[in-house]
N, C-alpha and C. Protein backbone atom coordinates (compact mmCIF):
# COMPACT_ATOMS: atom_id res chain seq x y z
N MET A 1 -3.72 -3.09 17.58
CA MET A 1 -4.37 -1.90 16.16
C MET A 1 -2.95 -1.87 15.44
N ALA A 2 -3.40 -1.78 14.27
CA ALA A 2 -2.67 -1.77 13.34
C ALA A 2 -1.44 -0.59 12.93
N GLN A 3 -0.07 -0.46 13.31
CA GLN A 3 0.17 0.96 12.47
C GLN A 3 0.23 1.17 11.45
N LEU A 4 -0.61 2.19 11.14
CA LEU A 4 -1.11 2.73 9.74
C LEU A 4 -0.59 3.60 9.36
N GLY A 5 0.53 3.31 7.70
CA GLY A 5 1.18 5.11 7.21
C GLY A 5 0.42 5.13 6.30
N PHE A 6 0.38 6.33 6.28
CA PHE A 6 -0.22 7.28 4.70
C PHE A 6 1.02 7.68 3.85
N TYR A 7 1.09 6.56 2.74
CA TYR A 7 2.59 7.35 1.91
C TYR A 7 1.76 8.76 0.59
N HIS A 8 1.62 9.09 0.84
CA HIS A 8 1.26 10.44 -0.31
C HIS A 8 1.82 10.77 -1.39
N LEU A 9 1.65 9.91 -2.28
CA LEU A 9 2.69 9.59 -3.83
C LEU A 9 2.57 11.64 -4.53
N THR A 10 3.73 11.94 -4.16
CA THR A 10 3.47 13.18 -5.16
C THR A 10 4.64 13.44 -6.21
N ARG A 11 5.42 12.48 -5.92
CA ARG A 11 6.65 12.50 -7.35
C ARG A 11 6.44 11.23 -8.27
N THR A 12 6.16 10.14 -8.27
CA THR A 12 6.00 9.25 -8.97
C THR A 12 4.35 8.46 -8.65
N GLY A 13 4.40 7.31 -9.51
CA GLY A 13 2.97 6.76 -9.67
C GLY A 13 3.34 5.82 -8.85
N LEU A 14 1.82 5.30 -8.31
CA LEU A 14 2.00 3.77 -7.55
C LEU A 14 2.93 2.74 -8.56
N GLU A 15 2.69 2.63 -9.73
CA GLU A 15 3.75 1.21 -10.71
C GLU A 15 5.34 2.00 -9.85
N ALA A 16 5.85 2.97 -9.63
CA ALA A 16 7.36 3.62 -9.61
C ALA A 16 6.95 3.17 -7.85
N ALA A 17 6.59 3.93 -7.21
CA ALA A 17 6.47 3.71 -5.79
C ALA A 17 5.85 2.46 -5.37
N LEU A 18 5.58 1.55 -5.06
CA LEU A 18 5.33 0.15 -5.38
C LEU A 18 6.36 -0.80 -4.34
N PRO A 19 6.70 -1.29 -6.00
CA PRO A 19 7.70 -2.36 -5.92
C PRO A 19 9.05 -1.91 -4.67
N ALA A 20 9.88 -0.91 -4.32
CA ALA A 20 10.95 0.09 -3.99
C ALA A 20 10.08 -0.72 -1.89
N LEU A 21 8.46 -0.40 -1.86
CA LEU A 21 7.69 -0.32 -0.74
C LEU A 21 8.07 -2.24 -0.35
N LEU A 22 7.28 -2.78 -1.40
CA LEU A 22 7.64 -4.18 -1.18
C LEU A 22 8.68 -4.99 -0.67
N ALA A 23 10.15 -4.34 -1.60
CA ALA A 23 11.27 -4.98 -1.45
C ALA A 23 11.49 -4.81 -0.46
N ARG A 24 10.99 -3.68 0.48
CA ARG A 24 11.25 -3.73 1.99
C ARG A 24 10.47 -4.39 2.73
N THR A 25 9.61 -4.68 2.40
CA THR A 25 8.97 -5.30 3.37
C THR A 25 9.37 -7.22 3.15
N LEU A 26 10.05 -7.24 1.99
CA LEU A 26 10.10 -8.88 1.65
C LEU A 26 11.90 -8.84 2.45
N ALA A 27 12.19 -7.68 2.33
CA ALA A 27 13.62 -7.76 2.70
C ALA A 27 13.78 -7.77 4.22
N ALA A 28 12.48 -7.40 5.17
CA ALA A 28 12.34 -7.37 6.51
C ALA A 28 11.76 -8.76 6.82
N GLY A 29 11.67 -9.51 5.58
CA GLY A 29 11.12 -11.25 6.41
C GLY A 29 10.24 -11.32 6.24
N ALA A 30 9.00 -10.34 5.52
CA ALA A 30 7.72 -10.50 5.83
C ALA A 30 6.73 -10.17 4.32
N ARG A 31 5.92 -10.57 5.11
CA ARG A 31 4.65 -11.13 3.58
C ARG A 31 3.52 -10.13 3.97
N ALA A 32 3.37 -9.99 2.08
CA ALA A 32 2.39 -8.03 1.66
C ALA A 32 1.44 -9.00 1.63
N VAL A 33 -0.09 -8.50 1.24
CA VAL A 33 -0.69 -7.86 0.45
C VAL A 33 -1.16 -7.39 -0.09
N VAL A 34 -1.54 -7.10 -1.23
CA VAL A 34 -1.57 -5.28 -2.02
C VAL A 34 -3.05 -5.96 -2.33
N ARG A 35 -4.11 -4.81 -1.78
CA ARG A 35 -5.63 -4.61 -1.62
C ARG A 35 -5.93 -3.34 -3.50
N GLY A 36 -6.26 -3.46 -3.89
CA GLY A 36 -6.97 -2.58 -4.46
C GLY A 36 -8.27 -2.43 -5.17
N THR A 37 -9.15 -2.03 -5.38
CA THR A 37 -10.74 -2.16 -6.05
C THR A 37 -10.68 -2.03 -7.60
N ASP A 38 -9.64 -2.37 -8.35
CA ASP A 38 -9.76 -2.80 -9.91
C ASP A 38 -9.27 -3.77 -10.94
N PRO A 39 -9.83 -4.60 -10.51
CA PRO A 39 -9.15 -5.82 -11.34
C PRO A 39 -8.15 -5.36 -12.89
N ALA A 40 -8.37 -4.18 -13.38
CA ALA A 40 -7.92 -4.05 -14.01
C ALA A 40 -5.96 -3.59 -13.80
N ARG A 41 -5.98 -2.29 -12.52
CA ARG A 41 -5.71 -2.40 -11.74
C ARG A 41 -4.37 -3.38 -11.34
N ILE A 42 -4.99 -4.18 -11.01
CA ILE A 42 -4.08 -5.57 -9.46
C ILE A 42 -3.42 -5.86 -10.87
N GLU A 43 -4.33 -6.34 -12.06
CA GLU A 43 -2.97 -6.98 -13.27
C GLU A 43 -2.04 -5.86 -13.92
N ALA A 44 -1.97 -4.81 -13.57
CA ALA A 44 -1.19 -3.61 -14.24
C ALA A 44 0.12 -3.59 -12.71
N LEU A 45 -0.36 -3.59 -11.67
CA LEU A 45 0.69 -3.23 -10.88
C LEU A 45 1.23 -5.19 -10.68
N ASP A 46 0.33 -6.21 -11.52
CA ASP A 46 1.14 -7.37 -11.02
C ASP A 46 2.50 -6.76 -12.85
N ALA A 47 2.05 -6.62 -13.62
CA ALA A 47 3.02 -6.29 -14.91
C ALA A 47 4.04 -5.55 -14.56
N ALA A 48 3.94 -4.56 -13.58
CA ALA A 48 4.50 -3.42 -12.82
C ALA A 48 6.03 -3.94 -11.95
N LEU A 49 5.67 -4.98 -11.45
CA LEU A 49 6.19 -5.67 -10.43
C LEU A 49 7.35 -6.68 -10.91
N TRP A 50 6.60 -7.18 -12.43
CA TRP A 50 7.47 -8.03 -12.69
C TRP A 50 8.58 -7.41 -13.63
N LEU A 51 8.41 -5.79 -13.31
CA LEU A 51 9.46 -5.14 -14.72
C LEU A 51 9.96 -4.06 -13.76
N ALA A 52 10.59 -3.88 -13.04
CA ALA A 52 10.19 -3.10 -11.43
C ALA A 52 12.02 -2.64 -11.48
N PRO A 53 12.01 -1.52 -12.16
CA PRO A 53 13.92 -1.27 -12.23
C PRO A 53 14.18 -1.06 -10.38
N GLY A 54 15.39 -1.30 -10.46
CA GLY A 54 15.93 -0.42 -9.48
C GLY A 54 15.38 -1.68 -8.29
N VAL A 55 14.97 -2.84 -8.61
CA VAL A 55 14.83 -3.92 -7.01
C VAL A 55 15.15 -4.58 -7.59
N ASP A 56 15.06 -5.81 -6.87
CA ASP A 56 15.76 -7.20 -7.33
C ASP A 56 14.30 -7.91 -7.30
N TRP A 57 14.26 -8.96 -7.90
CA TRP A 57 13.21 -9.67 -8.29
C TRP A 57 12.09 -9.67 -7.18
N LEU A 58 10.59 -9.39 -7.25
CA LEU A 58 9.55 -9.10 -6.68
C LEU A 58 8.47 -10.12 -6.99
N PRO A 59 9.14 -11.31 -5.86
CA PRO A 59 8.41 -12.58 -6.06
C PRO A 59 6.26 -12.29 -5.41
N HIS A 60 5.98 -12.82 -6.48
CA HIS A 60 3.88 -12.21 -5.54
C HIS A 60 3.42 -13.10 -6.59
N GLY A 61 2.10 -12.95 -6.56
CA GLY A 61 1.05 -13.69 -7.74
C GLY A 61 -0.48 -12.73 -7.22
N THR A 62 -1.32 -14.14 -8.12
CA THR A 62 -2.37 -13.13 -7.86
C THR A 62 -3.71 -14.33 -8.06
N ALA A 63 -4.96 -14.40 -8.12
CA ALA A 63 -5.52 -15.53 -8.25
C ALA A 63 -5.72 -16.40 -10.18
N ALA A 64 -5.05 -15.39 -10.32
CA ALA A 64 -5.49 -16.11 -11.89
C ALA A 64 -3.97 -17.07 -12.13
N MET A 65 -2.77 -16.84 -11.39
CA MET A 65 -1.54 -17.48 -10.44
C MET A 65 -2.14 -18.32 -10.20
N GLY A 66 -2.64 -18.53 -8.99
CA GLY A 66 -2.60 -19.42 -7.97
C GLY A 66 -1.57 -19.66 -6.87
N HIS A 67 -1.58 -20.76 -6.63
CA HIS A 67 -0.56 -20.76 -5.68
C HIS A 67 -0.40 -19.73 -4.27
N GLY A 68 -1.75 -19.29 -3.59
CA GLY A 68 -1.47 -17.99 -2.56
C GLY A 68 -0.59 -18.40 -1.41
N PRO A 69 -1.15 -19.75 -0.66
CA PRO A 69 0.28 -20.08 0.24
C PRO A 69 1.06 -19.20 0.07
N ASP A 70 1.78 -19.84 -1.16
CA ASP A 70 3.07 -20.09 -1.08
C ASP A 70 3.68 -18.33 -1.76
N GLN A 71 2.75 -17.28 -2.22
CA GLN A 71 2.96 -16.41 -2.75
C GLN A 71 3.27 -15.76 -1.60
N PRO A 72 5.06 -15.17 -2.04
CA PRO A 72 4.93 -13.56 -0.87
C PRO A 72 4.72 -12.12 -0.50
N VAL A 73 4.01 -12.03 -2.04
CA VAL A 73 3.23 -10.83 -1.82
C VAL A 73 1.93 -11.37 -2.84
N TRP A 74 0.93 -10.75 -2.50
CA TRP A 74 -0.52 -11.03 -2.98
C TRP A 74 -1.13 -10.31 -3.33
N LEU A 75 -1.76 -10.17 -5.54
CA LEU A 75 -2.32 -8.88 -5.06
C LEU A 75 -3.69 -9.36 -5.42
N THR A 76 -4.88 -8.59 -5.14
CA THR A 76 -6.18 -9.13 -4.89
C THR A 76 -7.07 -7.36 -5.08
N THR A 77 -8.12 -7.75 -5.22
CA THR A 77 -9.69 -6.49 -5.07
C THR A 77 -10.22 -7.67 -3.74
N GLY A 78 -10.01 -8.64 -3.12
CA GLY A 78 -11.19 -8.84 -2.11
C GLY A 78 -10.34 -9.18 -1.11
N ASP A 79 -10.50 -10.00 0.34
CA ASP A 79 -10.26 -9.84 2.00
C ASP A 79 -9.12 -11.25 1.73
N ASP A 80 -9.76 -11.55 0.54
CA ASP A 80 -8.08 -12.71 1.21
C ASP A 80 -7.09 -12.10 0.82
N VAL A 81 -6.60 -13.24 1.87
CA VAL A 81 -5.47 -13.01 2.49
C VAL A 81 -4.40 -14.55 2.65
N PRO A 82 -4.17 -15.32 1.45
CA PRO A 82 -3.67 -16.69 1.10
C PRO A 82 -2.90 -16.96 1.89
N ASN A 83 -1.50 -16.06 2.13
CA ASN A 83 -0.70 -15.64 2.38
C ASN A 83 0.05 -15.41 3.67
N ASP A 84 -1.29 -15.83 3.95
CA ASP A 84 -1.48 -15.22 6.11
C ASP A 84 -0.67 -13.90 6.27
N ALA A 85 -0.66 -12.76 5.26
CA ALA A 85 0.40 -11.63 5.23
C ALA A 85 0.45 -11.05 6.26
N ARG A 86 1.55 -9.81 6.94
CA ARG A 86 0.88 -8.95 8.49
C ARG A 86 1.13 -7.62 7.96
N PHE A 87 1.87 -7.47 6.35
CA PHE A 87 1.59 -6.38 5.96
C PHE A 87 0.13 -6.13 4.69
N LEU A 88 -0.66 -5.43 4.81
CA LEU A 88 -0.75 -4.62 4.10
C LEU A 88 -0.78 -3.46 3.45
N PHE A 89 -0.77 -2.95 2.21
CA PHE A 89 -1.04 -2.86 1.04
C PHE A 89 -2.32 -1.35 0.74
N LEU A 90 -2.57 -1.02 0.89
CA LEU A 90 -4.11 -0.50 0.24
C LEU A 90 -3.74 0.36 -0.72
N VAL A 91 -4.56 0.46 -1.52
CA VAL A 91 -4.59 0.94 -3.39
C VAL A 91 -5.40 1.65 -4.01
N ASP A 92 -5.36 2.65 -4.29
CA ASP A 92 -7.21 3.45 -5.24
C ASP A 92 -7.85 3.22 -4.20
N GLY A 93 -7.80 3.51 -3.26
CA GLY A 93 -9.22 3.67 -2.50
C GLY A 93 -9.60 2.96 -1.63
N ALA A 94 -8.58 1.12 -1.53
CA ALA A 94 -9.99 0.30 -0.56
C ALA A 94 -9.02 0.00 0.54
N THR A 95 -10.07 -0.54 1.15
CA THR A 95 -10.01 -0.72 2.46
C THR A 95 -10.30 -1.75 3.22
N ALA A 96 -10.30 -2.05 4.44
CA ALA A 96 -10.01 -3.30 5.28
C ALA A 96 -10.44 -3.75 6.48
N ASP A 97 -10.33 -5.04 6.72
CA ASP A 97 -10.81 -4.80 8.68
C ASP A 97 -9.02 -4.69 8.65
N LEU A 98 -8.53 -3.34 9.37
CA LEU A 98 -7.16 -3.12 9.78
C LEU A 98 -6.34 -4.16 10.96
N ALA A 99 -7.83 -5.18 11.84
CA ALA A 99 -6.98 -5.26 12.96
C ALA A 99 -6.45 -7.08 12.30
N ARG A 100 -6.66 -7.21 11.03
CA ARG A 100 -5.94 -9.01 11.67
C ARG A 100 -4.37 -8.45 10.73
N PHE A 101 -4.10 -6.90 10.96
CA PHE A 101 -2.66 -6.55 10.34
C PHE A 101 -2.03 -6.19 11.59
N GLU A 102 -0.39 -6.17 11.43
CA GLU A 102 0.57 -5.31 12.05
C GLU A 102 1.01 -3.89 11.17
N ARG A 103 1.01 -4.05 9.88
CA ARG A 103 1.19 -2.61 9.84
C ARG A 103 0.37 -2.24 8.00
N VAL A 104 -0.15 -1.71 8.30
CA VAL A 104 -1.41 -1.20 7.07
C VAL A 104 -0.36 0.17 6.30
N PHE A 105 -0.41 -0.29 4.65
CA PHE A 105 0.43 1.66 3.97
C PHE A 105 -0.83 1.51 2.80
N ASP A 106 -1.45 3.02 3.17
CA ASP A 106 -1.99 3.36 2.64
C ASP A 106 -1.71 4.73 1.43
N LEU A 107 -1.55 4.28 0.19
CA LEU A 107 -1.08 4.67 -0.24
C LEU A 107 -2.10 5.74 -1.55
N PHE A 108 -1.60 6.89 -1.70
CA PHE A 108 -2.45 7.64 -2.41
C PHE A 108 -2.12 8.94 -2.96
N ASP A 109 -2.31 8.91 -4.65
CA ASP A 109 -2.37 9.61 -5.41
C ASP A 109 -2.03 11.34 -4.92
N GLY A 110 -1.47 11.60 -5.11
CA GLY A 110 -0.99 13.17 -4.19
C GLY A 110 -1.68 14.18 -4.93
N ASN A 111 -1.96 14.02 -6.37
CA ASN A 111 -2.24 14.34 -7.71
C ASN A 111 -3.85 14.79 -7.59
N ASP A 112 -4.62 14.28 -7.39
CA ASP A 112 -5.98 13.66 -7.53
C ASP A 112 -6.28 14.08 -6.65
N PRO A 113 -7.20 15.28 -6.19
CA PRO A 113 -7.70 15.92 -5.35
C PRO A 113 -8.82 15.29 -4.41
N ASP A 114 -9.25 14.28 -5.42
CA ASP A 114 -10.65 13.06 -5.08
C ASP A 114 -9.33 12.40 -3.76
N ALA A 115 -8.87 11.76 -4.65
CA ALA A 115 -7.58 10.49 -3.62
C ALA A 115 -7.21 11.10 -2.53
N VAL A 116 -7.40 12.84 -2.32
CA VAL A 116 -6.32 13.60 -1.19
C VAL A 116 -7.57 13.49 -0.46
N ALA A 117 -8.75 13.83 -0.69
CA ALA A 117 -10.03 14.09 0.15
C ALA A 117 -9.86 12.88 1.03
N ALA A 118 -10.49 11.36 0.15
CA ALA A 118 -10.30 10.32 0.25
C ALA A 118 -9.40 10.03 1.94
N ALA A 119 -8.32 10.52 1.57
CA ALA A 119 -7.03 10.04 1.96
C ALA A 119 -7.70 10.17 3.52
N ARG A 120 -7.90 11.52 3.36
CA ARG A 120 -8.06 12.59 5.11
C ARG A 120 -9.28 11.86 5.50
N ALA A 121 -10.03 11.45 5.10
CA ALA A 121 -11.57 10.53 5.63
C ALA A 121 -10.62 9.32 6.28
N ARG A 122 -10.13 8.89 5.60
CA ARG A 122 -9.64 7.21 6.13
C ARG A 122 -9.01 7.76 7.56
N TRP A 123 -8.27 8.90 7.28
CA TRP A 123 -7.05 9.07 8.22
C TRP A 123 -7.93 9.92 9.72
N LYS A 124 -9.04 9.89 9.18
CA LYS A 124 -9.85 10.38 10.70
C LYS A 124 -10.92 9.21 11.20
N ALA A 125 -10.78 8.46 10.01
CA ALA A 125 -11.50 7.04 10.86
C ALA A 125 -10.24 6.07 11.76
N ALA A 126 -9.10 6.09 10.89
CA ALA A 126 -8.30 5.45 11.59
C ALA A 126 -7.97 5.98 13.25
N ARG A 127 -7.75 7.43 13.13
CA ARG A 127 -7.56 7.91 14.26
C ARG A 127 -8.64 7.43 15.40
N ALA A 128 -9.95 8.18 14.52
CA ALA A 128 -10.89 7.43 16.40
C ALA A 128 -10.90 6.13 16.37
N ALA A 129 -10.47 5.17 15.85
CA ALA A 129 -10.08 3.62 16.43
C ALA A 129 -9.58 3.83 16.82
N GLY A 130 -8.34 4.49 17.12
CA GLY A 130 -7.23 4.55 17.63
C GLY A 130 -6.10 3.58 17.23
N HIS A 131 -5.70 3.70 16.11
CA HIS A 131 -4.58 3.22 15.32
C HIS A 131 -3.50 4.14 15.51
N ALA A 132 -2.40 3.64 15.49
CA ALA A 132 -1.27 3.82 15.88
C ALA A 132 -1.06 4.79 13.48
N LEU A 133 -1.22 6.48 13.90
CA LEU A 133 -0.47 6.89 12.44
C LEU A 133 0.34 7.50 12.16
N THR A 134 1.25 6.84 10.74
CA THR A 134 2.04 7.84 10.71
C THR A 134 1.68 8.92 8.83
N TYR A 135 2.37 9.28 8.37
CA TYR A 135 1.76 10.32 7.12
C TYR A 135 3.10 10.73 6.76
N TRP A 136 3.36 10.33 5.08
CA TRP A 136 4.78 10.05 4.73
C TRP A 136 4.57 10.62 3.31
N GLN A 137 5.08 11.83 2.96
CA GLN A 137 5.55 11.79 1.87
C GLN A 137 6.11 12.36 0.49
N GLN A 138 6.57 11.99 -0.32
CA GLN A 138 7.46 11.67 -1.35
C GLN A 138 8.84 12.81 -1.31
N GLY A 139 9.78 12.36 -1.34
CA GLY A 139 10.47 13.50 -1.38
C GLY A 139 11.48 13.69 -2.82
N GLU A 140 12.35 14.15 -3.10
CA GLU A 140 13.62 14.54 -4.07
C GLU A 140 14.21 12.98 -3.73
N THR A 141 14.74 12.58 -2.72
CA THR A 141 15.52 11.33 -2.64
C THR A 141 14.58 10.53 -1.48
N GLY A 142 13.40 10.09 -1.50
CA GLY A 142 12.52 8.87 -0.67
C GLY A 142 11.56 9.80 -0.14
N TRP A 143 10.98 8.82 0.51
CA TRP A 143 10.01 9.13 1.85
C TRP A 143 10.89 9.94 2.85
N ILE A 144 9.88 11.17 2.95
CA ILE A 144 9.99 11.99 4.18
C ILE A 144 8.57 12.16 4.99
N ARG A 145 8.94 11.95 6.46
CA ARG A 145 7.80 11.58 8.01
C ARG A 145 7.82 13.26 7.74
N GLN A 146 5.98 12.94 7.82
CA GLN A 146 5.43 14.54 7.92
C GLN A 146 4.91 14.47 9.53
N ALA A 147 4.30 15.96 10.26
CA ALA A 147 3.94 15.92 11.03
C ALA A 147 3.17 15.49 11.34
N GLU A 148 2.13 15.20 12.27
CA GLU A 148 1.26 14.37 12.88
C GLU A 148 -0.01 14.70 12.60
N VAL A 149 -0.63 15.25 11.13
CA VAL A 149 -1.51 15.36 10.86
C VAL A 149 -2.21 14.90 9.40
N ALA A 150 -3.40 14.94 9.54
CA ALA A 150 -4.06 14.37 8.24
C ALA A 150 -3.17 14.89 6.76
N PRO A 151 -3.09 14.22 5.84
CA PRO A 151 -2.64 14.57 4.39
C PRO A 151 -3.37 16.00 4.37
N GLU A 152 -2.03 16.73 3.92
CA GLU A 152 -2.78 17.74 3.31
C GLU A 152 -3.92 17.60 2.12
N THR A 153 -4.31 18.92 1.83
CA THR A 153 -5.35 19.15 0.46
C THR A 153 -4.71 19.77 -0.79
N SER A 154 -3.39 20.44 -0.19
CA SER A 154 -3.15 21.55 -0.76
C SER A 154 -1.82 20.99 -1.88
N ARG A 155 -1.40 19.79 -1.92
CA ARG A 155 -0.12 19.54 -1.94
C ARG A 155 -0.35 18.31 -2.70
């Protein structure tokens, strides 16, 4: 079973939060796939990763760039994992077969009630499937692990 963390974005947008999480993943020697639902959003994340302040260069690629097996981070809207990544970052409500990953990061916008409700539903489904779950919320200085409850709708 995958270790599944829900990351409740309350202080910054995805473009600001994702680079730091990916930098930590690469520093740990792991590869990652970032899966979204909208090709335009993937293009925006691609640009944000090239320009991310406060982190070293984040080598990554997309289908438009090619060389998937060589990319430490792969951005996609599909089920492709050409870099054999074991870490998966789900954004904008994307879903996946979690069994093929060691660790899954489900990032969602805490300022969007629909996104919070959808994350809550994904949490319940993942718990029912037997995944190990953690819930993280942005604090003033970083991520704060919350109690083992579903993402709150009021935050």
